[in-house]
Amino acid sequence: MEKEIKTEYKMIKVNKELHKLLKIESVSSGKSMQNIAEKAIKNYIHILECIE
């Protein structure tokens, strides 16, 4: 029996320019657009917390 791999997808809305940049980064790095976006958002939140 094969074990099913469940993937959790999270949706975020981005404008066309940001989507294009994510796509380019995804292709060049081999990482998923979702992972790149999540990392960028986490970094952004961390920077905001450091500023305050």
PDB file of N, CA and C in Angstrom:
ATOM      1  N   MET A   1       0.826  -1.190   0.000  1.00  0.00           N
ATOM      2  CA  MET A   1       0.000   0.000   0.000  1.00  0.00           C
ATOM      3  C   MET A   1       0.870   1.254   0.000  1.00  0.00           C
ATOM      4  N   GLU A   2       0.476   2.170  -0.831  1.00  0.00           N
ATOM      5  CA  GLU A   2       1.201   3.435  -0.863  1.00  0.00           C
ATOM      6  C   GLU A   2       0.562   4.420   0.097  1.00  0.00           C
ATOM      7  N   LYS A   3       1.393   5.170   0.763  1.00  0.00           N
ATOM      8  CA  LYS A   3       0.909   6.170   1.697  1.00  0.00           C
ATOM      9  C   LYS A   3       0.613   7.459   0.934  1.00  0.00           C
ATOM     10  N   GLU A   4      -0.573   8.013   1.148  1.00  0.00           N
ATOM     11  CA  GLU A   4      -0.932   9.255   0.477  1.00  0.00           C
ATOM     12  C   GLU A   4      -0.212  10.424   1.126  1.00  0.00           C
ATOM     13  N   ILE A   5       0.303  11.288   0.301  1.00  0.00           N
ATOM     14  CA  ILE A   5       0.960  12.489   0.799  1.00  0.00           C
ATOM     15  C   ILE A   5      -0.043  13.635   0.703  1.00  0.00           C
ATOM     16  N   LYS A   6      -0.364  14.197   1.852  1.00  0.00           N
ATOM     17  CA  LYS A   6      -1.320  15.297   1.876  1.00  0.00           C
ATOM     18  C   LYS A   6      -0.547  16.616   1.861  1.00  0.00           C
ATOM     19  N   THR A   7      -0.882  17.441   0.903  1.00  0.00           N
ATOM     20  CA  THR A   7      -0.232  18.741   0.780  1.00  0.00           C
ATOM     21  C   THR A   7      -1.210  19.819   1.201  1.00  0.00           C
ATOM     22  N   GLU A   8      -0.738  20.713   2.040  1.00  0.00           N
ATOM     23  CA  GLU A   8      -1.589  21.807   2.493  1.00  0.00           C
ATOM     24  C   GLU A   8      -1.275  23.040   1.651  1.00  0.00           C
ATOM     25  N   TYR A   9      -2.291  23.565   1.006  1.00  0.00           N
ATOM     26  CA  TYR A   9      -2.116  24.750   0.183  1.00  0.00           C
ATOM     27  C   TYR A   9      -2.737  25.948   0.885  1.00  0.00           C
ATOM     28  N   LYS A  10      -2.036  27.057   0.849  1.00  0.00           N
ATOM     29  CA  LYS A  10      -2.543  28.294   1.422  1.00  0.00           C
ATOM     30  C   LYS A  10      -2.594  29.318   0.304  1.00  0.00           C
ATOM     31  N   MET A  11      -3.705  30.009   0.206  1.00  0.00           N
ATOM     32  CA  MET A  11      -3.876  30.978  -0.869  1.00  0.00           C
ATOM     33  C   MET A  11      -3.651  32.392  -0.359  1.00  0.00           C
ATOM     34  N   ILE A  12      -2.900  33.161  -1.118  1.00  0.00           N
ATOM     35  CA  ILE A  12      -2.779  34.585  -0.854  1.00  0.00           C
ATOM     36  C   ILE A  12      -2.966  35.310  -2.180  1.00  0.00           C
ATOM     37  N   LYS A  13      -3.534  36.500  -2.111  1.00  0.00           N
ATOM     38  CA  LYS A  13      -3.710  37.294  -3.323  1.00  0.00           C
ATOM     39  C   LYS A  13      -2.510  38.206  -3.495  1.00  0.00           C
ATOM     40  N   VAL A  14      -1.952  38.205  -4.681  1.00  0.00           N
ATOM     41  CA  VAL A  14      -0.843  39.107  -4.993  1.00  0.00           C
ATOM     42  C   VAL A  14      -1.133  39.776  -6.336  1.00  0.00           C
ATOM     43  N   ASN A  15      -0.543  40.938  -6.529  1.00  0.00           N
ATOM     44  CA  ASN A  15      -0.747  41.607  -7.813  1.00  0.00           C
ATOM     45  C   ASN A  15       0.083  40.918  -8.896  1.00  0.00           C
ATOM     46  N   LYS A  16      -0.147  41.303 -10.141  1.00  0.00           N
ATOM     47  CA  LYS A  16       0.508  40.625 -11.267  1.00  0.00           C
ATOM     48  C   LYS A  16       2.024  40.761 -11.225  1.00  0.00           C
ATOM     49  N   GLU A  17       2.511  41.944 -10.829  1.00  0.00           N
ATOM     50  CA  GLU A  17       3.956  42.166 -10.790  1.00  0.00           C
ATOM     51  C   GLU A  17       4.621  41.260  -9.757  1.00  0.00           C
ATOM     52  N   LEU A  18       4.027  41.156  -8.574  1.00  0.00           N
ATOM     53  CA  LEU A  18       4.574  40.293  -7.528  1.00  0.00           C
ATOM     54  C   LEU A  18       4.493  38.826  -7.939  1.00  0.00           C
ATOM     55  N   HIS A  19       3.402  38.435  -8.581  1.00  0.00           N
ATOM     56  CA  HIS A  19       3.244  37.062  -9.052  1.00  0.00           C
ATOM     57  C   HIS A  19       4.345  36.714 -10.053  1.00  0.00           C
ATOM     58  N   LYS A  20       4.640  37.653 -10.946  1.00  0.00           N
ATOM     59  CA  LYS A  20       5.699  37.435 -11.936  1.00  0.00           C
ATOM     60  C   LYS A  20       7.051  37.254 -11.246  1.00  0.00           C
ATOM     61  N   LEU A  21       7.343  38.088 -10.242  1.00  0.00           N
ATOM     62  CA  LEU A  21       8.607  37.973  -9.511  1.00  0.00           C
ATOM     63  C   LEU A  21       8.700  36.648  -8.758  1.00  0.00           C
ATOM     64  N   LEU A  22       7.593  36.229  -8.138  1.00  0.00           N
ATOM     65  CA  LEU A  22       7.571  34.943  -7.434  1.00  0.00           C
ATOM     66  C   LEU A  22       7.821  33.788  -8.399  1.00  0.00           C
ATOM     67  N   LYS A  23       7.211  33.869  -9.567  1.00  0.00           N
ATOM     68  CA  LYS A  23       7.364  32.815 -10.566  1.00  0.00           C
ATOM     69  C   LYS A  23       8.817  32.714 -11.035  1.00  0.00           C
ATOM     70  N   ILE A  24       9.433  33.861 -11.301  1.00  0.00           N
ATOM     71  CA  ILE A  24      10.837  33.879 -11.740  1.00  0.00           C
ATOM     72  C   ILE A  24      11.737  33.296 -10.656  1.00  0.00           C
ATOM     73  N   GLU A  25      11.529  33.721  -9.410  1.00  0.00           N
ATOM     74  CA  GLU A  25      12.339  33.223  -8.293  1.00  0.00           C
ATOM     75  C   GLU A  25      12.131  31.723  -8.102  1.00  0.00           C
ATOM     76  N   SER A  26      10.895  31.268  -8.258  1.00  0.00           N
ATOM     77  CA  SER A  26      10.575  29.854  -8.102  1.00  0.00           C
ATOM     78  C   SER A  26      11.307  29.007  -9.141  1.00  0.00           C
ATOM     79  N   VAL A  27      11.281  29.448 -10.378  1.00  0.00           N
ATOM     80  CA  VAL A  27      11.939  28.702 -11.453  1.00  0.00           C
ATOM     81  C   VAL A  27      13.451  28.692 -11.255  1.00  0.00           C
ATOM     82  N   SER A  28      14.015  29.833 -10.879  1.00  0.00           N
ATOM     83  CA  SER A  28      15.474  29.910 -10.755  1.00  0.00           C
ATOM     84  C   SER A  28      16.006  29.178  -9.525  1.00  0.00           C
ATOM     85  N   SER A  29      15.200  29.120  -8.446  1.00  0.00           N
ATOM     86  CA  SER A  29      15.689  28.481  -7.220  1.00  0.00           C
ATOM     87  C   SER A  29      15.217  27.037  -7.058  1.00  0.00           C
ATOM     88  N   GLY A  30      14.174  26.661  -7.784  1.00  0.00           N
ATOM     89  CA  GLY A  30      13.634  25.313  -7.663  1.00  0.00           C
ATOM     90  C   GLY A  30      12.724  25.137  -6.460  1.00  0.00           C
ATOM     91  N   LYS A  31      12.379  26.236  -5.797  1.00  0.00           N
ATOM     92  CA  LYS A  31      11.475  26.184  -4.644  1.00  0.00           C
ATOM     93  C   LYS A  31      10.073  26.566  -5.100  1.00  0.00           C
ATOM     94  N   SER A  32       9.079  26.151  -4.327  1.00  0.00           N
ATOM     95  CA  SER A  32       7.710  26.472  -4.702  1.00  0.00           C
ATOM     96  C   SER A  32       7.405  27.940  -4.428  1.00  0.00           C
ATOM     97  N   MET A  33       6.486  28.473  -5.213  1.00  0.00           N
ATOM     98  CA  MET A  33       6.079  29.871  -5.027  1.00  0.00           C
ATOM     99  C   MET A  33       5.501  30.071  -3.635  1.00  0.00           C
ATOM    100  N   GLN A  34       4.781  29.073  -3.143  1.00  0.00           N
ATOM    101  CA  GLN A  34       4.175  29.165  -1.814  1.00  0.00           C
ATOM    102  C   GLN A  34       5.246  29.300  -0.739  1.00  0.00           C
ATOM    103  N   ASN A  35       6.285  28.475  -0.815  1.00  0.00           N
ATOM    104  CA  ASN A  35       7.354  28.540   0.188  1.00  0.00           C
ATOM    105  C   ASN A  35       8.089  29.872   0.146  1.00  0.00           C
ATOM    106  N   ILE A  36       8.337  30.381  -1.057  1.00  0.00           N
ATOM    107  CA  ILE A  36       9.019  31.669  -1.192  1.00  0.00           C
ATOM    108  C   ILE A  36       8.161  32.783  -0.598  1.00  0.00           C
ATOM    109  N   ALA A  37       6.864  32.763  -0.904  1.00  0.00           N
ATOM    110  CA  ALA A  37       5.958  33.796  -0.389  1.00  0.00           C
ATOM    111  C   ALA A  37       5.856  33.726   1.131  1.00  0.00           C
ATOM    112  N   GLU A  38       5.742  32.511   1.689  1.00  0.00           N
ATOM    113  CA  GLU A  38       5.645  32.362   3.146  1.00  0.00           C
ATOM    114  C   GLU A  38       6.901  32.889   3.838  1.00  0.00           C
ATOM    115  N   LYS A  39       8.065  32.562   3.284  1.00  0.00           N
ATOM    116  CA  LYS A  39       9.321  33.020   3.878  1.00  0.00           C
ATOM    117  C   LYS A  39       9.417  34.543   3.821  1.00  0.00           C
ATOM    118  N   ALA A  40       9.024  35.126   2.698  1.00  0.00           N
ATOM    119  CA  ALA A  40       9.071  36.581   2.545  1.00  0.00           C
ATOM    120  C   ALA A  40       8.136  37.272   3.535  1.00  0.00           C
ATOM    121  N   ILE A  41       6.951  36.714   3.728  1.00  0.00           N
ATOM    122  CA  ILE A  41       5.992  37.306   4.668  1.00  0.00           C
ATOM    123  C   ILE A  41       6.508  37.196   6.093  1.00  0.00           C
ATOM    124  N   LYS A  42       7.070  36.049   6.450  1.00  0.00           N
ATOM    125  CA  LYS A  42       7.628  35.876   7.799  1.00  0.00           C
ATOM    126  C   LYS A  42       8.770  36.859   8.046  1.00  0.00           C
ATOM    127  N   ASN A  43       9.645  37.029   7.051  1.00  0.00           N
ATOM    128  CA  ASN A  43      10.747  37.988   7.182  1.00  0.00           C
ATOM    129  C   ASN A  43      10.221  39.408   7.331  1.00  0.00           C
ATOM    130  N   TYR A  44       9.201  39.752   6.569  1.00  0.00           N
ATOM    131  CA  TYR A  44       8.607  41.088   6.626  1.00  0.00           C
ATOM    132  C   TYR A  44       8.025  41.358   8.014  1.00  0.00           C
ATOM    133  N   ILE A  45       7.299  40.388   8.556  1.00  0.00           N
ATOM    134  CA  ILE A  45       6.708  40.538   9.891  1.00  0.00           C
ATOM    135  C   ILE A  45       7.802  40.658  10.939  1.00  0.00           C
ATOM    136  N   HIS A  46       8.856  39.867  10.812  1.00  0.00           N
ATOM    137  CA  HIS A  46       9.973  39.930  11.758  1.00  0.00           C
ATOM    138  C   HIS A  46      10.629  41.318  11.733  1.00  0.00           C
ATOM    139  N   ILE A  47      10.832  41.855  10.548  1.00  0.00           N
ATOM    140  CA  ILE A  47      11.430  43.191  10.424  1.00  0.00           C
ATOM    141  C   ILE A  47      10.527  44.239  11.065  1.00  0.00           C
ATOM    142  N   LEU A  48       9.219  44.133  10.834  1.00  0.00           N
ATOM    143  CA  LEU A  48       8.284  45.086  11.444  1.00  0.00           C
ATOM    144  C   LEU A  48       8.339  45.024  12.966  1.00  0.00           C
ATOM    145  N   GLU A  49       8.448  43.809  13.508  1.00  0.00           N
ATOM    146  CA  GLU A  49       8.516  43.650  14.964  1.00  0.00           C
ATOM    147  C   GLU A  49       9.812  44.244  15.514  1.00  0.00           C
ATOM    148  N   CYS A  50      10.896  44.129  14.779  1.00  0.00           N
ATOM    149  CA  CYS A  50      12.181  44.680  15.228  1.00  0.00           C
ATOM    150  C   CYS A  50      12.169  46.204  15.210  1.00  0.00           C
ATOM    151  N   ILE A  51      11.453  46.779  14.263  1.00  0.00           N
ATOM    152  CA  ILE A  51      11.389  48.235  14.153  1.00  0.00           C
ATOM    153  C   ILE A  51      10.614  48.834  15.322  1.00  0.00           C
ATOM    154  N   GLU A  52       9.562  48.156  15.738  1.00  0.00           N
ATOM    155  CA  GLU A  52       8.708  48.694  16.808  1.00  0.00           C
ATOM    156  C   GLU A  52       9.339  48.635  18.143  1.00  0.00           C
TER     157      GLU A  52
END
